[in-house]
N, C-alpha and C. Protein backbone atom coordinates (compact mmCIF):
# COMPACT_ATOMS: atom_id res chain seq x y z
N MET A 1 -8.45 19.58 7.53
CA MET A 1 -7.17 19.00 7.15
C MET A 1 -7.16 17.51 7.50
N SER A 2 -6.64 16.72 6.63
CA SER A 2 -6.58 15.28 6.79
C SER A 2 -5.61 14.87 7.89
N GLY A 3 -6.00 13.84 8.65
CA GLY A 3 -5.11 13.29 9.66
C GLY A 3 -3.88 12.63 9.05
N LEU A 4 -3.94 12.36 7.74
CA LEU A 4 -2.78 11.76 7.07
C LEU A 4 -1.66 12.76 6.86
N THR A 5 -1.97 14.04 6.99
CA THR A 5 -0.96 15.08 6.77
C THR A 5 0.26 14.87 7.66
N LYS A 6 0.04 14.44 8.89
CA LYS A 6 1.18 14.25 9.78
C LYS A 6 2.11 13.12 9.32
N TYR A 7 1.59 12.21 8.52
CA TYR A 7 2.42 11.11 8.01
C TYR A 7 2.90 11.37 6.59
N LEU A 8 2.12 12.09 5.83
CA LEU A 8 2.43 12.28 4.41
C LEU A 8 2.62 13.76 4.05
N SER A 9 3.15 14.53 4.99
CA SER A 9 3.36 15.94 4.68
C SER A 9 4.33 16.05 3.51
N GLY A 10 4.02 16.92 2.62
CA GLY A 10 4.86 17.09 1.43
C GLY A 10 4.51 16.16 0.29
N VAL A 11 3.67 15.14 0.54
CA VAL A 11 3.26 14.23 -0.52
C VAL A 11 2.00 14.80 -1.15
N LYS A 12 2.13 15.22 -2.39
CA LYS A 12 0.97 15.78 -3.08
C LYS A 12 0.11 14.68 -3.69
N GLN A 13 0.75 13.57 -4.04
CA GLN A 13 0.00 12.48 -4.63
C GLN A 13 0.66 11.14 -4.34
N LEU A 14 -0.21 10.15 -4.25
CA LEU A 14 0.20 8.76 -4.20
C LEU A 14 -0.12 8.18 -5.58
N LEU A 15 0.52 7.10 -5.93
CA LEU A 15 0.24 6.47 -7.21
C LEU A 15 -0.57 5.20 -6.98
N ARG A 16 -1.52 4.94 -7.87
CA ARG A 16 -2.33 3.73 -7.79
C ARG A 16 -1.72 2.72 -8.73
N ALA A 17 -1.40 1.56 -8.21
CA ALA A 17 -0.58 0.59 -8.92
C ALA A 17 -1.14 0.17 -10.28
N ASN A 18 -2.39 -0.16 -10.39
CA ASN A 18 -2.85 -0.69 -11.67
C ASN A 18 -3.30 0.39 -12.64
N ARG A 19 -3.68 1.53 -12.16
CA ARG A 19 -4.18 2.57 -13.04
C ARG A 19 -3.18 3.69 -13.24
N MET A 20 -2.22 3.79 -12.36
CA MET A 20 -1.23 4.85 -12.38
C MET A 20 -1.91 6.22 -12.30
N THR A 21 -3.06 6.24 -11.68
CA THR A 21 -3.79 7.48 -11.46
C THR A 21 -3.30 8.11 -10.17
N PRO A 22 -2.85 9.35 -10.21
CA PRO A 22 -2.45 10.00 -8.97
C PRO A 22 -3.64 10.15 -8.02
N VAL A 23 -3.39 9.95 -6.74
CA VAL A 23 -4.42 10.06 -5.72
C VAL A 23 -3.90 11.02 -4.66
N ALA A 24 -4.64 12.07 -4.39
CA ALA A 24 -4.26 13.02 -3.35
C ALA A 24 -4.56 12.41 -1.99
N PRO A 25 -3.62 12.47 -1.05
CA PRO A 25 -3.89 11.93 0.29
C PRO A 25 -5.16 12.50 0.92
N ALA A 26 -5.48 13.75 0.63
CA ALA A 26 -6.68 14.37 1.20
C ALA A 26 -7.95 13.69 0.72
N SER A 27 -7.89 12.99 -0.42
CA SER A 27 -9.08 12.31 -0.95
C SER A 27 -9.39 11.01 -0.20
N LEU A 28 -8.55 10.63 0.73
CA LEU A 28 -8.74 9.38 1.47
C LEU A 28 -9.54 9.58 2.76
N THR A 29 -10.13 10.75 2.90
CA THR A 29 -10.92 11.09 4.08
C THR A 29 -12.00 10.03 4.33
N GLY A 30 -12.18 9.69 5.61
CA GLY A 30 -13.22 8.75 6.00
C GLY A 30 -12.79 7.30 5.96
N LYS A 31 -11.60 7.03 5.52
CA LYS A 31 -11.13 5.65 5.38
C LYS A 31 -10.15 5.28 6.48
N THR A 32 -9.95 3.99 6.65
CA THR A 32 -8.82 3.48 7.40
C THR A 32 -7.71 3.27 6.39
N ILE A 33 -6.52 3.69 6.74
CA ILE A 33 -5.37 3.56 5.85
C ILE A 33 -4.39 2.59 6.49
N PHE A 34 -3.99 1.59 5.72
CA PHE A 34 -2.98 0.65 6.17
C PHE A 34 -1.68 0.94 5.44
N PHE A 35 -0.64 1.29 6.19
CA PHE A 35 0.69 1.47 5.64
C PHE A 35 1.37 0.10 5.68
N TYR A 36 1.67 -0.44 4.50
CA TYR A 36 2.24 -1.79 4.36
C TYR A 36 3.71 -1.66 4.02
N PHE A 37 4.58 -1.94 4.98
CA PHE A 37 6.03 -1.85 4.82
C PHE A 37 6.54 -3.19 4.31
N THR A 38 7.20 -3.17 3.16
CA THR A 38 7.57 -4.40 2.48
C THR A 38 8.76 -4.13 1.56
N ALA A 39 9.34 -5.18 0.99
CA ALA A 39 10.46 -5.02 0.05
C ALA A 39 10.59 -6.26 -0.83
N SER A 40 11.16 -6.05 -1.99
CA SER A 40 11.32 -7.14 -2.96
C SER A 40 12.29 -8.22 -2.47
N TRP A 41 13.26 -7.84 -1.68
CA TRP A 41 14.30 -8.78 -1.26
C TRP A 41 13.91 -9.58 -0.02
N CYS A 42 12.73 -9.38 0.50
CA CYS A 42 12.28 -10.01 1.74
C CYS A 42 11.40 -11.23 1.43
N PRO A 43 11.91 -12.45 1.66
CA PRO A 43 11.11 -13.64 1.36
C PRO A 43 9.80 -13.71 2.14
N HIS A 44 9.82 -13.29 3.39
CA HIS A 44 8.59 -13.32 4.18
C HIS A 44 7.56 -12.32 3.65
N CYS A 45 8.04 -11.20 3.08
CA CYS A 45 7.14 -10.22 2.48
C CYS A 45 6.40 -10.83 1.28
N SER A 46 7.12 -11.61 0.48
CA SER A 46 6.48 -12.26 -0.66
C SER A 46 5.40 -13.23 -0.21
N GLU A 47 5.67 -13.96 0.87
CA GLU A 47 4.67 -14.88 1.42
C GLU A 47 3.46 -14.11 1.93
N THR A 48 3.71 -13.03 2.64
CA THR A 48 2.64 -12.22 3.22
C THR A 48 1.77 -11.61 2.13
N ALA A 49 2.38 -11.21 1.03
CA ALA A 49 1.63 -10.60 -0.07
C ALA A 49 0.57 -11.55 -0.62
N GLN A 50 0.79 -12.87 -0.45
CA GLN A 50 -0.15 -13.85 -0.97
C GLN A 50 -1.51 -13.80 -0.27
N TYR A 51 -1.57 -13.25 0.93
CA TYR A 51 -2.89 -13.07 1.56
C TYR A 51 -3.28 -11.59 1.69
N VAL A 52 -2.32 -10.69 1.64
CA VAL A 52 -2.65 -9.26 1.73
C VAL A 52 -3.40 -8.81 0.48
N LEU A 53 -2.91 -9.14 -0.71
CA LEU A 53 -3.57 -8.69 -1.93
C LEU A 53 -4.99 -9.24 -2.05
N PRO A 54 -5.22 -10.54 -1.86
CA PRO A 54 -6.61 -11.02 -1.93
C PRO A 54 -7.51 -10.35 -0.90
N TYR A 55 -6.98 -10.11 0.29
CA TYR A 55 -7.77 -9.44 1.33
C TYR A 55 -8.17 -8.05 0.84
N TYR A 56 -7.21 -7.33 0.32
CA TYR A 56 -7.48 -5.99 -0.21
C TYR A 56 -8.54 -6.06 -1.32
N GLN A 57 -8.34 -6.95 -2.27
CA GLN A 57 -9.26 -7.05 -3.40
C GLN A 57 -10.69 -7.36 -2.96
N ARG A 58 -10.85 -8.25 -2.02
CA ARG A 58 -12.18 -8.67 -1.58
C ARG A 58 -12.89 -7.65 -0.70
N HIS A 59 -12.14 -6.89 0.09
CA HIS A 59 -12.78 -6.14 1.17
C HIS A 59 -12.59 -4.62 1.18
N HIS A 60 -11.67 -4.07 0.40
CA HIS A 60 -11.38 -2.64 0.58
C HIS A 60 -12.56 -1.72 0.29
N ARG A 61 -13.39 -2.06 -0.66
CA ARG A 61 -14.54 -1.19 -0.96
C ARG A 61 -15.59 -1.29 0.15
N GLU A 62 -15.99 -2.49 0.45
CA GLU A 62 -17.04 -2.70 1.46
C GLU A 62 -16.63 -2.19 2.84
N LYS A 63 -15.37 -2.43 3.21
CA LYS A 63 -14.89 -2.05 4.54
C LYS A 63 -14.27 -0.65 4.55
N ASP A 64 -14.19 -0.01 3.41
CA ASP A 64 -13.74 1.37 3.27
C ASP A 64 -12.33 1.62 3.81
N PHE A 65 -11.38 0.84 3.28
CA PHE A 65 -9.98 1.06 3.64
C PHE A 65 -9.13 1.10 2.39
N GLU A 66 -7.94 1.65 2.55
CA GLU A 66 -6.94 1.65 1.49
C GLU A 66 -5.64 1.13 2.07
N LEU A 67 -4.83 0.59 1.21
CA LEU A 67 -3.54 0.06 1.59
C LEU A 67 -2.48 0.83 0.82
N ILE A 68 -1.53 1.41 1.54
CA ILE A 68 -0.44 2.15 0.91
C ILE A 68 0.85 1.35 1.10
N VAL A 69 1.43 0.94 -0.01
CA VAL A 69 2.67 0.18 0.01
C VAL A 69 3.83 1.15 0.24
N VAL A 70 4.64 0.86 1.25
CA VAL A 70 5.81 1.65 1.56
C VAL A 70 7.00 0.71 1.41
N SER A 71 7.74 0.89 0.33
CA SER A 71 8.81 -0.04 -0.02
C SER A 71 10.14 0.31 0.64
N TRP A 72 10.83 -0.73 1.08
CA TRP A 72 12.19 -0.58 1.61
C TRP A 72 13.23 -0.83 0.52
N ASP A 73 12.78 -0.97 -0.70
CA ASP A 73 13.72 -1.21 -1.80
C ASP A 73 14.56 0.03 -2.07
N ASP A 74 15.83 -0.19 -2.44
CA ASP A 74 16.70 0.91 -2.84
C ASP A 74 16.54 1.22 -4.32
N SER A 75 16.11 0.25 -5.07
CA SER A 75 16.02 0.38 -6.52
C SER A 75 14.56 0.47 -6.95
N VAL A 76 14.27 1.45 -7.77
CA VAL A 76 12.93 1.59 -8.34
C VAL A 76 12.60 0.35 -9.18
N ALA A 77 13.58 -0.14 -9.94
CA ALA A 77 13.36 -1.32 -10.77
C ALA A 77 13.00 -2.55 -9.93
N ASP A 78 13.69 -2.73 -8.80
CA ASP A 78 13.38 -3.85 -7.91
C ASP A 78 11.96 -3.73 -7.36
N PHE A 79 11.59 -2.52 -6.99
CA PHE A 79 10.25 -2.31 -6.47
C PHE A 79 9.20 -2.64 -7.52
N TYR A 80 9.37 -2.17 -8.75
CA TYR A 80 8.38 -2.45 -9.79
C TYR A 80 8.32 -3.94 -10.12
N GLU A 81 9.43 -4.60 -10.07
CA GLU A 81 9.43 -6.06 -10.30
C GLU A 81 8.65 -6.75 -9.18
N TYR A 82 8.87 -6.32 -7.97
CA TYR A 82 8.13 -6.87 -6.82
C TYR A 82 6.63 -6.60 -6.97
N MET A 83 6.28 -5.40 -7.40
CA MET A 83 4.87 -5.09 -7.62
C MET A 83 4.29 -6.05 -8.66
N HIS A 84 5.05 -6.33 -9.69
CA HIS A 84 4.59 -7.23 -10.75
C HIS A 84 4.42 -8.65 -10.23
N VAL A 85 5.40 -9.16 -9.54
CA VAL A 85 5.40 -10.56 -9.12
C VAL A 85 4.45 -10.81 -7.96
N ASP A 86 4.46 -9.94 -6.95
CA ASP A 86 3.74 -10.24 -5.72
C ASP A 86 2.51 -9.40 -5.43
N LEU A 87 2.41 -8.22 -6.00
CA LEU A 87 1.35 -7.33 -5.55
C LEU A 87 0.30 -6.99 -6.60
N LEU A 88 0.51 -7.35 -7.85
CA LEU A 88 -0.47 -7.00 -8.87
C LEU A 88 -0.98 -8.24 -9.58
N PRO A 89 -2.27 -8.28 -9.87
CA PRO A 89 -2.78 -9.38 -10.66
C PRO A 89 -2.51 -9.19 -12.14
N ARG A 90 -2.12 -7.99 -12.56
CA ARG A 90 -1.79 -7.68 -13.94
C ARG A 90 -0.30 -7.38 -14.04
N PRO A 91 0.35 -7.80 -15.09
CA PRO A 91 1.78 -7.54 -15.22
C PRO A 91 2.09 -6.06 -15.38
N VAL A 92 3.18 -5.64 -14.78
CA VAL A 92 3.71 -4.29 -14.97
C VAL A 92 4.94 -4.45 -15.85
N VAL A 93 5.04 -3.64 -16.88
CA VAL A 93 6.21 -3.72 -17.76
C VAL A 93 6.84 -2.35 -17.86
N GLY A 94 8.14 -2.34 -18.04
CA GLY A 94 8.84 -1.07 -18.18
C GLY A 94 8.70 -0.25 -16.92
N GLY A 95 8.88 1.03 -17.08
CA GLY A 95 8.60 1.90 -15.95
C GLY A 95 9.80 2.68 -15.47
N THR A 96 9.49 3.83 -14.95
CA THR A 96 10.46 4.68 -14.29
C THR A 96 9.76 5.19 -13.05
N ALA A 97 10.41 6.02 -12.30
CA ALA A 97 9.76 6.59 -11.12
C ALA A 97 8.57 7.47 -11.52
N ASP A 98 8.56 7.95 -12.75
CA ASP A 98 7.50 8.85 -13.18
C ASP A 98 6.35 8.15 -13.90
N LYS A 99 6.61 7.01 -14.52
CA LYS A 99 5.58 6.37 -15.33
C LYS A 99 5.80 4.87 -15.38
N VAL A 100 4.74 4.13 -15.23
CA VAL A 100 4.78 2.68 -15.38
C VAL A 100 3.68 2.32 -16.35
N GLN A 101 3.97 1.42 -17.27
CA GLN A 101 2.96 0.96 -18.20
C GLN A 101 2.38 -0.34 -17.66
N VAL A 102 1.08 -0.48 -17.77
CA VAL A 102 0.41 -1.69 -17.30
C VAL A 102 -0.16 -2.41 -18.50
N LEU A 103 0.15 -3.69 -18.62
CA LEU A 103 -0.43 -4.47 -19.70
C LEU A 103 -1.92 -4.63 -19.46
N PRO A 104 -2.73 -4.42 -20.46
CA PRO A 104 -4.18 -4.58 -20.28
C PRO A 104 -4.52 -6.04 -19.98
N GLY A 105 -5.43 -6.22 -19.07
CA GLY A 105 -5.96 -7.54 -18.78
C GLY A 105 -7.27 -7.70 -19.52
N ALA A 106 -8.07 -8.62 -19.06
CA ALA A 106 -9.35 -8.87 -19.71
C ALA A 106 -10.24 -7.64 -19.72
N ASN A 107 -10.07 -6.78 -18.73
CA ASN A 107 -10.90 -5.57 -18.66
C ASN A 107 -10.05 -4.32 -18.83
N GLY A 108 -9.05 -4.39 -19.69
CA GLY A 108 -8.25 -3.21 -20.01
C GLY A 108 -7.31 -2.75 -18.92
N GLY A 109 -6.94 -3.65 -18.01
CA GLY A 109 -6.02 -3.28 -16.95
C GLY A 109 -6.69 -2.54 -15.81
N GLN A 110 -8.01 -2.51 -15.78
CA GLN A 110 -8.71 -1.79 -14.73
C GLN A 110 -9.22 -2.78 -13.68
N GLY A 111 -8.38 -3.70 -13.28
CA GLY A 111 -8.78 -4.76 -12.36
C GLY A 111 -8.99 -4.27 -10.95
N GLU A 112 -9.22 -5.19 -10.07
CA GLU A 112 -9.52 -4.88 -8.68
C GLU A 112 -8.34 -4.29 -7.93
N ALA A 113 -7.13 -4.74 -8.22
CA ALA A 113 -5.99 -4.28 -7.44
C ALA A 113 -5.71 -2.82 -7.75
N GLY A 114 -5.83 -2.01 -6.76
CA GLY A 114 -5.55 -0.60 -6.93
C GLY A 114 -4.71 -0.11 -5.78
N LEU A 115 -3.78 -0.94 -5.33
CA LEU A 115 -2.94 -0.57 -4.21
C LEU A 115 -2.30 0.78 -4.47
N LEU A 116 -2.23 1.59 -3.44
CA LEU A 116 -1.54 2.86 -3.53
C LEU A 116 -0.11 2.66 -3.10
N TYR A 117 0.78 3.49 -3.60
CA TYR A 117 2.14 3.42 -3.11
C TYR A 117 2.80 4.79 -3.13
N VAL A 118 3.78 4.91 -2.26
CA VAL A 118 4.59 6.12 -2.18
C VAL A 118 5.72 5.95 -3.19
N ASP A 119 5.90 6.91 -4.05
CA ASP A 119 6.94 6.87 -5.07
C ASP A 119 8.31 6.84 -4.39
N ILE A 120 9.02 5.72 -4.51
CA ILE A 120 10.25 5.55 -3.74
C ILE A 120 11.39 6.46 -4.18
N LYS A 121 11.35 6.92 -5.40
CA LYS A 121 12.40 7.82 -5.86
C LYS A 121 12.11 9.26 -5.43
N ALA A 122 10.89 9.69 -5.69
CA ALA A 122 10.54 11.08 -5.41
C ALA A 122 10.24 11.33 -3.94
N GLN A 123 9.90 10.30 -3.19
CA GLN A 123 9.45 10.49 -1.81
C GLN A 123 10.30 9.72 -0.80
N SER A 124 11.58 9.56 -1.04
CA SER A 124 12.42 8.77 -0.14
C SER A 124 12.47 9.36 1.27
N ASP A 125 12.41 10.69 1.39
CA ASP A 125 12.40 11.32 2.72
C ASP A 125 11.12 10.96 3.47
N THR A 126 10.00 10.91 2.75
CA THR A 126 8.72 10.54 3.37
C THR A 126 8.78 9.10 3.86
N ILE A 127 9.34 8.22 3.07
CA ILE A 127 9.44 6.82 3.47
C ILE A 127 10.30 6.69 4.72
N ALA A 128 11.43 7.37 4.75
CA ALA A 128 12.29 7.34 5.94
C ALA A 128 11.55 7.87 7.16
N ALA A 129 10.76 8.92 6.97
CA ALA A 129 10.00 9.50 8.09
C ALA A 129 8.92 8.53 8.57
N LEU A 130 8.25 7.83 7.66
CA LEU A 130 7.23 6.85 8.05
C LEU A 130 7.85 5.72 8.86
N ILE A 131 8.99 5.24 8.43
CA ILE A 131 9.69 4.17 9.15
C ILE A 131 10.04 4.62 10.55
N LYS A 132 10.53 5.85 10.67
CA LYS A 132 10.90 6.39 11.97
C LYS A 132 9.66 6.64 12.84
N THR A 133 8.65 7.28 12.28
CA THR A 133 7.44 7.62 13.04
C THR A 133 6.75 6.38 13.60
N PHE A 134 6.63 5.35 12.76
CA PHE A 134 5.95 4.14 13.19
C PHE A 134 6.88 3.14 13.88
N ARG A 135 8.16 3.52 14.00
CA ARG A 135 9.16 2.66 14.65
C ARG A 135 9.19 1.26 14.04
N ILE A 136 9.27 1.23 12.72
CA ILE A 136 9.32 -0.04 12.00
C ILE A 136 10.73 -0.58 12.09
N SER A 137 10.87 -1.75 12.69
CA SER A 137 12.20 -2.34 12.84
C SER A 137 12.37 -3.58 11.99
N GLY A 138 11.31 -4.05 11.38
CA GLY A 138 11.39 -5.22 10.53
C GLY A 138 10.21 -5.26 9.58
N ILE A 139 10.39 -6.02 8.53
CA ILE A 139 9.32 -6.16 7.55
C ILE A 139 9.02 -7.64 7.34
N PRO A 140 7.82 -7.95 6.90
CA PRO A 140 6.72 -7.05 6.61
C PRO A 140 6.08 -6.51 7.89
N SER A 141 5.55 -5.32 7.79
CA SER A 141 4.82 -4.69 8.89
C SER A 141 3.66 -3.92 8.28
N MET A 142 2.60 -3.75 9.08
CA MET A 142 1.47 -2.97 8.62
C MET A 142 0.86 -2.22 9.80
N ILE A 143 0.69 -0.93 9.60
CA ILE A 143 0.13 -0.05 10.62
C ILE A 143 -1.16 0.54 10.06
N GLY A 144 -2.24 0.48 10.83
CA GLY A 144 -3.50 1.07 10.41
C GLY A 144 -3.73 2.39 11.11
N VAL A 145 -4.17 3.39 10.34
CA VAL A 145 -4.47 4.71 10.90
C VAL A 145 -5.82 5.19 10.38
N ASP A 146 -6.47 6.02 11.17
CA ASP A 146 -7.69 6.69 10.76
C ASP A 146 -7.28 7.89 9.92
N ALA A 147 -7.74 7.95 8.68
CA ALA A 147 -7.32 9.02 7.77
C ALA A 147 -7.77 10.40 8.24
N ASP A 148 -8.86 10.47 8.98
CA ASP A 148 -9.37 11.76 9.42
C ASP A 148 -8.61 12.33 10.61
N THR A 149 -8.30 11.46 11.56
CA THR A 149 -7.66 11.92 12.79
C THR A 149 -6.16 11.68 12.82
N GLY A 150 -5.69 10.72 12.02
CA GLY A 150 -4.29 10.34 12.06
C GLY A 150 -3.97 9.37 13.20
N LYS A 151 -4.98 9.01 13.99
CA LYS A 151 -4.78 8.11 15.11
C LYS A 151 -4.48 6.69 14.62
N ARG A 152 -3.48 6.08 15.24
CA ARG A 152 -3.18 4.67 14.94
C ARG A 152 -4.29 3.82 15.51
N VAL A 153 -4.82 2.93 14.68
CA VAL A 153 -5.91 2.08 15.13
C VAL A 153 -5.48 0.63 15.33
N THR A 154 -4.41 0.21 14.65
CA THR A 154 -3.92 -1.16 14.84
C THR A 154 -2.48 -1.28 14.36
N VAL A 155 -1.75 -2.14 15.03
CA VAL A 155 -0.41 -2.54 14.59
C VAL A 155 -0.42 -4.03 14.25
N ASN A 156 -1.59 -4.65 14.34
CA ASN A 156 -1.73 -6.10 14.12
C ASN A 156 -2.46 -6.45 12.84
N ALA A 157 -2.47 -5.57 11.88
CA ALA A 157 -3.26 -5.79 10.67
C ALA A 157 -2.83 -7.03 9.89
N LEU A 158 -1.53 -7.28 9.76
CA LEU A 158 -1.09 -8.45 9.00
C LEU A 158 -1.60 -9.74 9.64
N THR A 159 -1.49 -9.82 10.94
CA THR A 159 -1.97 -11.01 11.65
C THR A 159 -3.47 -11.16 11.46
N MET A 160 -4.20 -10.07 11.60
CA MET A 160 -5.65 -10.14 11.49
C MET A 160 -6.11 -10.48 10.08
N MET A 161 -5.43 -9.97 9.06
CA MET A 161 -5.79 -10.32 7.69
C MET A 161 -5.62 -11.81 7.44
N LYS A 162 -4.62 -12.38 8.08
CA LYS A 162 -4.37 -13.81 7.90
C LYS A 162 -5.39 -14.66 8.64
N ILE A 163 -5.74 -14.29 9.88
CA ILE A 163 -6.65 -15.14 10.66
C ILE A 163 -8.13 -14.79 10.44
N ASP A 164 -8.40 -13.67 9.78
CA ASP A 164 -9.78 -13.27 9.49
C ASP A 164 -9.90 -12.94 8.00
N PRO A 165 -9.65 -13.93 7.11
CA PRO A 165 -9.61 -13.65 5.68
C PRO A 165 -10.94 -13.17 5.09
N GLU A 166 -12.04 -13.44 5.75
CA GLU A 166 -13.34 -13.00 5.26
C GLU A 166 -13.77 -11.68 5.89
N ALA A 167 -12.93 -11.08 6.70
CA ALA A 167 -13.18 -9.79 7.35
C ALA A 167 -14.44 -9.81 8.20
N GLU A 168 -14.74 -10.95 8.77
CA GLU A 168 -15.93 -11.07 9.61
C GLU A 168 -15.80 -10.27 10.90
N ARG A 169 -14.57 -10.13 11.39
CA ARG A 169 -14.32 -9.38 12.64
C ARG A 169 -13.80 -7.98 12.41
N TYR A 170 -13.71 -7.57 11.15
CA TYR A 170 -13.21 -6.24 10.83
C TYR A 170 -14.27 -5.20 11.19
N PRO A 171 -13.94 -4.08 11.79
CA PRO A 171 -12.61 -3.65 12.21
C PRO A 171 -12.17 -4.39 13.47
N TRP A 172 -10.89 -4.57 13.59
CA TRP A 172 -10.31 -5.39 14.66
C TRP A 172 -9.96 -4.59 15.90
N TRP A 173 -10.28 -3.35 15.95
CA TRP A 173 -9.91 -2.51 17.09
C TRP A 173 -11.13 -2.04 17.84
């Protein structure tokens, strides 16, 4: 059983932002998972996204981690707009909690950004539980956990991504 179960119990799938391919939490075995707490209405979150996304794009495969966006937005539309403006290199158009269309880019919309996210409409109880479990009192915040054990490995991921943009010191724990 995945160590993520304690954080994502009841979540059968996460959504991948650019491909909209469902991803089972159990498939993240062996990875470090970063829960990224953010919102569209947070100016500091928009600034932080400017280094979080490039860090993810450059290093997630080699360093074997995934980033799960956990939105504090109340509106699905606001969240998708935020994903479009700050978190995706490809535009997102339209969309509901069940389906989002991605405009094809030069490579058919299959770009590097594949951030995972918890569906804010269908999984609002899970989001509330994550905020409570990790004692998130402000955003942006990022908590790193070992997907196999569920053990928290860092609460300083945002700071480290900013001061170690080439991931030379990764893992930081």
